[in-house]
Amino acid sequence: MLILKIVLYLILIVSVHELSHVLVALCVSFKITGMGISLLPVPHFHVSVISHGGLKQTLFILSGLIIELSFFAVLLCFEFFSSPALYYALSLQILIDSNPFYSDALFAIEKDAAYYTGPIQENPYLFSKNWYLLLTAWFILIIVLIIIKQNISL
């Protein structure tokens, strides 16, 4: 039953994540060229836009992760994590969206990484200075999520 609840929460969280990309794209006047599921290099949902780079593009790329982190912070501050499935689903989605291998966080620091569709192990952005910074931040995030899990009652 827990797995089913996690999957249902993940569907809701991913929907809100992608909706946040759409709303930011509309707010900053980006032309939305497509929405859907891509299978390469890993299966993922996406919103495609025509943008001109800069801060607006970074905001567009990070909008889903920002929404997830904000939702997590609100739930944590007001002690709304009454459901273990919600905590696990939100934590999992945050880790997926911030991972240093293929995520919005990587695309925010390495803009061209979003267009790479080859095997992950051949990604030219792996092992760069920015990649190591993201990897370090990701490990810290994992540790923080574990510590939070130990300190809240689910």
N, C-alpha and C. Protein backbone atom coordinates (compact mmCIF):
# COMPACT_ATOMS: atom_id res chain seq x y z
N MET A 1 0.82 -1.21 0.00
CA MET A 1 0.00 0.00 0.00
C MET A 1 0.86 1.26 0.00
N LEU A 2 1.99 1.20 0.74
CA LEU A 2 2.89 2.36 0.80
C LEU A 2 3.43 2.69 -0.59
N ILE A 3 3.82 1.67 -1.35
CA ILE A 3 4.37 1.88 -2.69
C ILE A 3 3.32 2.55 -3.59
N LEU A 4 2.09 2.11 -3.51
CA LEU A 4 1.02 2.70 -4.32
C LEU A 4 0.83 4.17 -3.97
N LYS A 5 0.84 4.49 -2.68
CA LYS A 5 0.70 5.89 -2.26
C LYS A 5 1.88 6.73 -2.76
N ILE A 6 3.09 6.18 -2.68
CA ILE A 6 4.27 6.91 -3.16
C ILE A 6 4.12 7.20 -4.65
N VAL A 7 3.69 6.19 -5.42
CA VAL A 7 3.52 6.37 -6.87
C VAL A 7 2.47 7.44 -7.15
N LEU A 8 1.36 7.42 -6.43
CA LEU A 8 0.31 8.42 -6.64
C LEU A 8 0.81 9.82 -6.28
N TYR A 9 1.54 9.95 -5.17
CA TYR A 9 2.12 11.25 -4.82
C TYR A 9 3.13 11.69 -5.87
N LEU A 10 3.93 10.77 -6.40
CA LEU A 10 4.91 11.13 -7.43
C LEU A 10 4.21 11.66 -8.69
N ILE A 11 3.12 11.05 -9.07
CA ILE A 11 2.37 11.53 -10.24
C ILE A 11 1.89 12.97 -10.00
N LEU A 12 1.38 13.23 -8.82
CA LEU A 12 0.93 14.58 -8.47
C LEU A 12 2.10 15.56 -8.46
N ILE A 13 3.20 15.19 -7.85
CA ILE A 13 4.37 16.07 -7.74
C ILE A 13 4.96 16.37 -9.12
N VAL A 14 5.08 15.34 -9.96
CA VAL A 14 5.62 15.55 -11.31
C VAL A 14 4.68 16.45 -12.12
N SER A 15 3.39 16.29 -11.95
CA SER A 15 2.43 17.15 -12.65
C SER A 15 2.59 18.61 -12.23
N VAL A 16 2.72 18.85 -10.95
CA VAL A 16 2.92 20.22 -10.45
C VAL A 16 4.27 20.76 -10.93
N HIS A 17 5.29 19.92 -10.93
CA HIS A 17 6.62 20.31 -11.41
C HIS A 17 6.54 20.79 -12.86
N GLU A 18 5.94 20.00 -13.73
CA GLU A 18 5.84 20.38 -15.14
C GLU A 18 4.94 21.59 -15.34
N LEU A 19 3.87 21.67 -14.55
CA LEU A 19 2.99 22.84 -14.62
C LEU A 19 3.75 24.11 -14.25
N SER A 20 4.66 24.01 -13.30
CA SER A 20 5.45 25.19 -12.91
C SER A 20 6.33 25.66 -14.07
N HIS A 21 6.87 24.71 -14.86
CA HIS A 21 7.64 25.09 -16.04
C HIS A 21 6.75 25.84 -17.04
N VAL A 22 5.54 25.33 -17.24
CA VAL A 22 4.61 25.97 -18.17
C VAL A 22 4.26 27.38 -17.69
N LEU A 23 3.94 27.53 -16.41
CA LEU A 23 3.56 28.85 -15.88
C LEU A 23 4.70 29.85 -15.98
N VAL A 24 5.92 29.42 -15.66
CA VAL A 24 7.06 30.32 -15.77
C VAL A 24 7.30 30.68 -17.24
N ALA A 25 7.19 29.73 -18.13
CA ALA A 25 7.36 30.01 -19.57
C ALA A 25 6.35 31.07 -20.02
N LEU A 26 5.11 30.94 -19.59
CA LEU A 26 4.09 31.92 -19.96
C LEU A 26 4.39 33.29 -19.33
N CYS A 27 4.84 33.30 -18.09
CA CYS A 27 5.13 34.56 -17.40
C CYS A 27 6.30 35.32 -18.02
N VAL A 28 7.28 34.61 -18.53
CA VAL A 28 8.46 35.29 -19.11
C VAL A 28 8.37 35.34 -20.64
N SER A 29 7.21 35.04 -21.19
CA SER A 29 6.93 35.14 -22.62
C SER A 29 7.78 34.23 -23.50
N PHE A 30 8.06 33.02 -23.01
CA PHE A 30 8.73 32.03 -23.84
C PHE A 30 7.65 31.33 -24.67
N LYS A 31 8.00 30.99 -25.89
CA LYS A 31 7.07 30.23 -26.73
C LYS A 31 7.24 28.74 -26.40
N ILE A 32 6.15 28.12 -25.96
CA ILE A 32 6.17 26.69 -25.64
C ILE A 32 6.04 25.93 -26.96
N THR A 33 7.05 25.10 -27.25
CA THR A 33 7.07 24.36 -28.51
C THR A 33 6.65 22.91 -28.36
N GLY A 34 6.58 22.43 -27.13
CA GLY A 34 6.17 21.04 -26.94
C GLY A 34 6.18 20.62 -25.49
N MET A 35 5.41 19.59 -25.23
CA MET A 35 5.37 18.96 -23.92
C MET A 35 5.24 17.47 -24.16
N GLY A 36 5.89 16.69 -23.31
CA GLY A 36 5.75 15.26 -23.50
C GLY A 36 6.72 14.44 -22.70
N ILE A 37 6.97 13.24 -23.19
CA ILE A 37 7.88 12.31 -22.54
C ILE A 37 9.00 12.01 -23.52
N SER A 38 10.23 12.15 -23.07
CA SER A 38 11.40 11.78 -23.86
C SER A 38 11.99 10.51 -23.28
N LEU A 39 12.52 9.66 -24.12
CA LEU A 39 13.08 8.40 -23.65
C LEU A 39 14.60 8.44 -23.56
N LEU A 40 15.25 9.41 -24.21
CA LEU A 40 16.71 9.46 -24.22
C LEU A 40 17.21 10.72 -23.53
N PRO A 41 18.30 10.70 -22.82
CA PRO A 41 19.09 9.52 -22.49
C PRO A 41 18.46 8.68 -21.38
N VAL A 42 17.53 9.28 -20.62
CA VAL A 42 16.75 8.53 -19.63
C VAL A 42 15.29 8.98 -19.78
N PRO A 43 14.32 8.12 -19.48
CA PRO A 43 12.94 8.56 -19.60
C PRO A 43 12.64 9.75 -18.67
N HIS A 44 12.00 10.77 -19.22
CA HIS A 44 11.66 11.95 -18.43
C HIS A 44 10.57 12.75 -19.12
N PHE A 45 9.80 13.49 -18.33
CA PHE A 45 8.81 14.43 -18.87
C PHE A 45 9.54 15.72 -19.19
N HIS A 46 8.99 16.50 -20.11
CA HIS A 46 9.65 17.76 -20.44
C HIS A 46 8.67 18.78 -21.00
N VAL A 47 9.07 20.04 -20.88
CA VAL A 47 8.40 21.16 -21.53
C VAL A 47 9.48 21.85 -22.36
N SER A 48 9.26 21.94 -23.66
CA SER A 48 10.24 22.57 -24.55
C SER A 48 9.80 23.99 -24.87
N VAL A 49 10.76 24.91 -24.86
CA VAL A 49 10.46 26.32 -25.15
C VAL A 49 11.52 26.90 -26.07
N ILE A 50 11.18 28.03 -26.66
CA ILE A 50 12.17 28.84 -27.36
C ILE A 50 12.52 29.97 -26.40
N SER A 51 13.79 30.01 -25.99
CA SER A 51 14.22 31.03 -25.03
C SER A 51 15.46 31.72 -25.57
N HIS A 52 15.84 32.77 -24.89
CA HIS A 52 17.00 33.55 -25.31
C HIS A 52 18.09 33.54 -24.26
N GLY A 53 18.07 32.54 -23.39
CA GLY A 53 19.11 32.42 -22.37
C GLY A 53 18.90 33.38 -21.22
N GLY A 54 19.95 33.54 -20.44
CA GLY A 54 19.93 34.48 -19.33
C GLY A 54 19.17 33.99 -18.11
N LEU A 55 18.85 34.95 -17.25
CA LEU A 55 18.19 34.65 -15.98
C LEU A 55 16.80 34.04 -16.18
N LYS A 56 16.08 34.49 -17.19
CA LYS A 56 14.74 33.93 -17.44
C LYS A 56 14.81 32.45 -17.77
N GLN A 57 15.81 32.06 -18.55
CA GLN A 57 15.96 30.64 -18.89
C GLN A 57 16.32 29.84 -17.65
N THR A 58 17.21 30.37 -16.82
CA THR A 58 17.58 29.68 -15.58
C THR A 58 16.36 29.52 -14.67
N LEU A 59 15.56 30.57 -14.56
CA LEU A 59 14.34 30.49 -13.75
C LEU A 59 13.40 29.44 -14.31
N PHE A 60 13.25 29.39 -15.63
CA PHE A 60 12.41 28.38 -16.27
C PHE A 60 12.91 26.98 -15.94
N ILE A 61 14.22 26.77 -16.06
CA ILE A 61 14.80 25.45 -15.84
C ILE A 61 14.62 25.00 -14.40
N LEU A 62 14.83 25.92 -13.46
CA LEU A 62 14.80 25.56 -12.04
C LEU A 62 13.41 25.66 -11.40
N SER A 63 12.41 26.12 -12.13
CA SER A 63 11.09 26.37 -11.52
C SER A 63 10.48 25.12 -10.87
N GLY A 64 10.61 23.96 -11.50
CA GLY A 64 10.05 22.73 -10.92
C GLY A 64 10.73 22.37 -9.61
N LEU A 65 12.06 22.46 -9.59
CA LEU A 65 12.80 22.14 -8.36
C LEU A 65 12.51 23.17 -7.27
N ILE A 66 12.37 24.43 -7.65
CA ILE A 66 12.05 25.48 -6.66
C ILE A 66 10.69 25.21 -6.03
N ILE A 67 9.71 24.83 -6.83
CA ILE A 67 8.37 24.51 -6.31
C ILE A 67 8.45 23.32 -5.34
N GLU A 68 9.19 22.28 -5.73
CA GLU A 68 9.31 21.10 -4.87
C GLU A 68 9.99 21.43 -3.55
N LEU A 69 11.09 22.19 -3.60
CA LEU A 69 11.80 22.56 -2.36
C LEU A 69 10.92 23.47 -1.49
N SER A 70 10.17 24.36 -2.12
CA SER A 70 9.28 25.24 -1.36
C SER A 70 8.18 24.44 -0.67
N PHE A 71 7.59 23.51 -1.41
CA PHE A 71 6.53 22.66 -0.85
C PHE A 71 7.09 21.83 0.31
N PHE A 72 8.29 21.28 0.13
CA PHE A 72 8.93 20.50 1.18
C PHE A 72 9.15 21.36 2.43
N ALA A 73 9.65 22.59 2.24
CA ALA A 73 9.91 23.49 3.37
C ALA A 73 8.62 23.85 4.11
N VAL A 74 7.55 24.12 3.38
CA VAL A 74 6.27 24.44 4.01
C VAL A 74 5.76 23.25 4.82
N LEU A 75 5.80 22.06 4.21
CA LEU A 75 5.35 20.86 4.93
C LEU A 75 6.18 20.63 6.18
N LEU A 76 7.47 20.86 6.08
CA LEU A 76 8.36 20.66 7.22
C LEU A 76 8.10 21.68 8.32
N CYS A 77 7.96 22.95 7.95
CA CYS A 77 7.74 24.02 8.93
C CYS A 77 6.43 23.86 9.69
N PHE A 78 5.40 23.40 8.99
CA PHE A 78 4.09 23.27 9.62
C PHE A 78 3.78 21.84 10.05
N GLU A 79 4.80 20.99 10.04
CA GLU A 79 4.68 19.60 10.49
C GLU A 79 3.52 18.86 9.82
N PHE A 80 3.45 18.98 8.48
CA PHE A 80 2.41 18.33 7.70
C PHE A 80 2.84 17.00 7.12
N PHE A 81 3.99 16.48 7.52
CA PHE A 81 4.43 15.20 6.99
C PHE A 81 3.81 14.06 7.79
N SER A 82 2.47 14.00 7.78
CA SER A 82 1.79 12.94 8.51
C SER A 82 1.82 11.64 7.73
N SER A 83 2.08 11.73 6.43
CA SER A 83 2.10 10.55 5.59
C SER A 83 3.54 10.22 5.19
N PRO A 84 4.03 9.06 5.56
CA PRO A 84 5.38 8.67 5.13
C PRO A 84 5.50 8.65 3.61
N ALA A 85 4.43 8.26 2.92
CA ALA A 85 4.47 8.19 1.46
C ALA A 85 4.73 9.56 0.85
N LEU A 86 4.15 10.60 1.41
CA LEU A 86 4.37 11.96 0.90
C LEU A 86 5.82 12.37 1.11
N TYR A 87 6.37 12.08 2.28
CA TYR A 87 7.77 12.42 2.54
C TYR A 87 8.69 11.68 1.56
N TYR A 88 8.48 10.39 1.40
CA TYR A 88 9.33 9.60 0.51
C TYR A 88 9.21 10.05 -0.95
N ALA A 89 7.97 10.30 -1.39
CA ALA A 89 7.75 10.71 -2.78
C ALA A 89 8.40 12.07 -3.05
N LEU A 90 8.20 13.02 -2.16
CA LEU A 90 8.75 14.36 -2.36
C LEU A 90 10.27 14.33 -2.27
N SER A 91 10.81 13.59 -1.33
CA SER A 91 12.27 13.47 -1.22
C SER A 91 12.86 12.81 -2.46
N LEU A 92 12.22 11.76 -2.93
CA LEU A 92 12.70 11.07 -4.13
C LEU A 92 12.68 12.01 -5.34
N GLN A 93 11.59 12.74 -5.50
CA GLN A 93 11.48 13.65 -6.64
C GLN A 93 12.52 14.77 -6.56
N ILE A 94 12.77 15.30 -5.38
CA ILE A 94 13.80 16.34 -5.21
C ILE A 94 15.17 15.78 -5.57
N LEU A 95 15.46 14.56 -5.14
CA LEU A 95 16.75 13.95 -5.47
C LEU A 95 16.87 13.67 -6.97
N ILE A 96 15.80 13.26 -7.60
CA ILE A 96 15.82 13.03 -9.05
C ILE A 96 16.05 14.36 -9.79
N ASP A 97 15.35 15.40 -9.36
CA ASP A 97 15.44 16.70 -10.05
C ASP A 97 16.72 17.46 -9.77
N SER A 98 17.50 17.01 -8.81
CA SER A 98 18.75 17.72 -8.50
C SER A 98 19.98 16.85 -8.75
N ASN A 99 19.80 15.65 -9.28
CA ASN A 99 20.93 14.74 -9.45
C ASN A 99 21.95 15.31 -10.45
N PRO A 100 23.21 14.98 -10.30
CA PRO A 100 24.25 15.55 -11.16
C PRO A 100 24.44 14.84 -12.49
N PHE A 101 23.60 13.87 -12.81
CA PHE A 101 23.79 13.09 -14.03
C PHE A 101 22.88 13.53 -15.16
N TYR A 102 21.61 13.81 -14.88
CA TYR A 102 20.69 14.29 -15.90
C TYR A 102 19.49 14.89 -15.18
N SER A 103 19.49 16.20 -15.00
CA SER A 103 18.43 16.84 -14.23
C SER A 103 18.34 18.32 -14.57
N ASP A 104 17.28 18.95 -14.07
CA ASP A 104 17.13 20.39 -14.24
C ASP A 104 18.29 21.14 -13.59
N ALA A 105 18.78 20.64 -12.47
CA ALA A 105 19.89 21.31 -11.79
C ALA A 105 21.14 21.31 -12.69
N LEU A 106 21.41 20.19 -13.36
CA LEU A 106 22.55 20.13 -14.28
C LEU A 106 22.35 21.09 -15.45
N PHE A 107 21.11 21.14 -15.97
CA PHE A 107 20.83 22.02 -17.11
C PHE A 107 20.99 23.48 -16.73
N ALA A 108 20.72 23.81 -15.48
CA ALA A 108 20.85 25.20 -15.03
C ALA A 108 22.30 25.66 -15.01
N ILE A 109 23.22 24.74 -14.67
CA ILE A 109 24.63 25.14 -14.60
C ILE A 109 25.39 24.84 -15.88
N GLU A 110 24.90 23.89 -16.66
CA GLU A 110 25.52 23.55 -17.96
C GLU A 110 24.43 23.58 -19.01
N LYS A 111 24.17 24.75 -19.55
CA LYS A 111 23.01 24.97 -20.45
C LYS A 111 22.93 23.96 -21.59
N ASP A 112 24.04 23.63 -22.22
CA ASP A 112 24.00 22.73 -23.37
C ASP A 112 23.77 21.27 -22.99
N ALA A 113 23.87 20.94 -21.72
CA ALA A 113 23.66 19.56 -21.28
C ALA A 113 22.24 19.09 -21.58
N ALA A 114 21.29 20.01 -21.65
CA ALA A 114 19.90 19.65 -21.92
C ALA A 114 19.73 19.08 -23.32
N TYR A 115 20.66 19.40 -24.22
CA TYR A 115 20.54 18.94 -25.60
C TYR A 115 21.32 17.66 -25.86
N TYR A 116 22.03 17.17 -24.85
CA TYR A 116 22.81 15.95 -25.01
C TYR A 116 21.89 14.76 -24.87
N THR A 117 21.89 13.87 -25.87
CA THR A 117 20.99 12.71 -25.83
C THR A 117 21.74 11.38 -25.92
N GLY A 118 23.05 11.41 -25.79
CA GLY A 118 23.83 10.19 -25.83
C GLY A 118 23.82 9.47 -24.49
N PRO A 119 24.60 8.41 -24.40
CA PRO A 119 24.70 7.67 -23.14
C PRO A 119 25.21 8.57 -22.01
N ILE A 120 24.65 8.41 -20.83
CA ILE A 120 25.02 9.27 -19.70
C ILE A 120 26.52 9.18 -19.42
N GLN A 121 27.10 7.98 -19.50
CA GLN A 121 28.51 7.83 -19.17
C GLN A 121 29.43 8.56 -20.14
N GLU A 122 28.92 8.95 -21.31
CA GLU A 122 29.72 9.68 -22.30
C GLU A 122 29.42 11.18 -22.29
N ASN A 123 28.59 11.63 -21.36
CA ASN A 123 28.20 13.03 -21.28
C ASN A 123 29.44 13.90 -21.07
N PRO A 124 29.68 14.88 -21.96
CA PRO A 124 30.88 15.72 -21.85
C PRO A 124 30.86 16.64 -20.63
N TYR A 125 29.72 16.77 -19.97
CA TYR A 125 29.62 17.66 -18.82
C TYR A 125 30.00 16.96 -17.52
N LEU A 126 30.07 15.63 -17.57
CA LEU A 126 30.48 14.90 -16.37
C LEU A 126 31.94 15.22 -16.05
N PHE A 127 32.21 15.32 -14.79
CA PHE A 127 33.56 15.53 -14.26
C PHE A 127 34.12 16.92 -14.52
N SER A 128 33.26 17.87 -14.87
CA SER A 128 33.69 19.26 -14.96
C SER A 128 33.65 19.86 -13.56
N LYS A 129 34.19 21.05 -13.40
CA LYS A 129 34.19 21.72 -12.09
C LYS A 129 32.75 21.91 -11.60
N ASN A 130 31.87 22.39 -12.49
CA ASN A 130 30.46 22.59 -12.10
C ASN A 130 29.79 21.27 -11.72
N TRP A 131 30.15 20.20 -12.43
CA TRP A 131 29.56 18.90 -12.12
C TRP A 131 29.96 18.44 -10.72
N TYR A 132 31.23 18.63 -10.36
CA TYR A 132 31.68 18.25 -9.02
C TYR A 132 30.99 19.08 -7.95
N LEU A 133 30.75 20.35 -8.22
CA LEU A 133 30.02 21.19 -7.27
C LEU A 133 28.60 20.67 -7.09
N LEU A 134 27.95 20.32 -8.20
CA LEU A 134 26.59 19.78 -8.12
C LEU A 134 26.57 18.43 -7.41
N LEU A 135 27.55 17.59 -7.69
CA LEU A 135 27.64 16.28 -7.02
C LEU A 135 27.78 16.46 -5.51
N THR A 136 28.63 17.40 -5.10
CA THR A 136 28.83 17.67 -3.68
C THR A 136 27.53 18.17 -3.04
N ALA A 137 26.86 19.11 -3.71
CA ALA A 137 25.59 19.63 -3.19
C ALA A 137 24.55 18.52 -3.11
N TRP A 138 24.56 17.61 -4.07
CA TRP A 138 23.59 16.50 -4.07
C TRP A 138 23.84 15.56 -2.90
N PHE A 139 25.09 15.25 -2.62
CA PHE A 139 25.40 14.40 -1.46
C PHE A 139 24.99 15.08 -0.17
N ILE A 140 25.22 16.38 -0.07
CA ILE A 140 24.80 17.12 1.13
C ILE A 140 23.28 17.07 1.26
N LEU A 141 22.56 17.23 0.15
CA LEU A 141 21.11 17.15 0.17
C LEU A 141 20.64 15.77 0.65
N ILE A 142 21.28 14.72 0.19
CA ILE A 142 20.93 13.36 0.64
C ILE A 142 21.10 13.24 2.15
N ILE A 143 22.22 13.74 2.66
CA ILE A 143 22.48 13.68 4.10
C ILE A 143 21.43 14.49 4.87
N VAL A 144 21.10 15.68 4.37
CA VAL A 144 20.09 16.52 5.03
C VAL A 144 18.74 15.81 5.05
N LEU A 145 18.35 15.20 3.95
CA LEU A 145 17.07 14.49 3.91
C LEU A 145 17.04 13.31 4.89
N ILE A 146 18.18 12.63 5.03
CA ILE A 146 18.26 11.53 6.00
C ILE A 146 18.13 12.06 7.42
N ILE A 147 18.81 13.16 7.72
CA ILE A 147 18.74 13.76 9.05
C ILE A 147 17.31 14.23 9.35
N ILE A 148 16.68 14.87 8.38
CA ILE A 148 15.29 15.32 8.57
C ILE A 148 14.40 14.12 8.84
N LYS A 149 14.57 13.05 8.07
CA LYS A 149 13.75 11.85 8.24
C LYS A 149 13.88 11.31 9.66
N GLN A 150 15.11 11.35 10.20
CA GLN A 150 15.34 10.82 11.55
C GLN A 150 14.72 11.72 12.63
N ASN A 151 14.51 12.99 12.30
CA ASN A 151 14.05 13.94 13.31
C ASN A 151 12.57 14.29 13.23
N ILE A 152 11.84 13.73 12.27
CA ILE A 152 10.41 13.96 12.22
C ILE A 152 9.70 12.63 12.44
N SER A 153 8.52 12.73 12.97
CA SER A 153 7.76 11.49 13.21
C SER A 153 6.84 11.26 12.01
N LEU A 154 7.01 10.13 11.37
CA LEU A 154 6.17 9.79 10.23
C LEU A 154 5.18 8.72 10.61
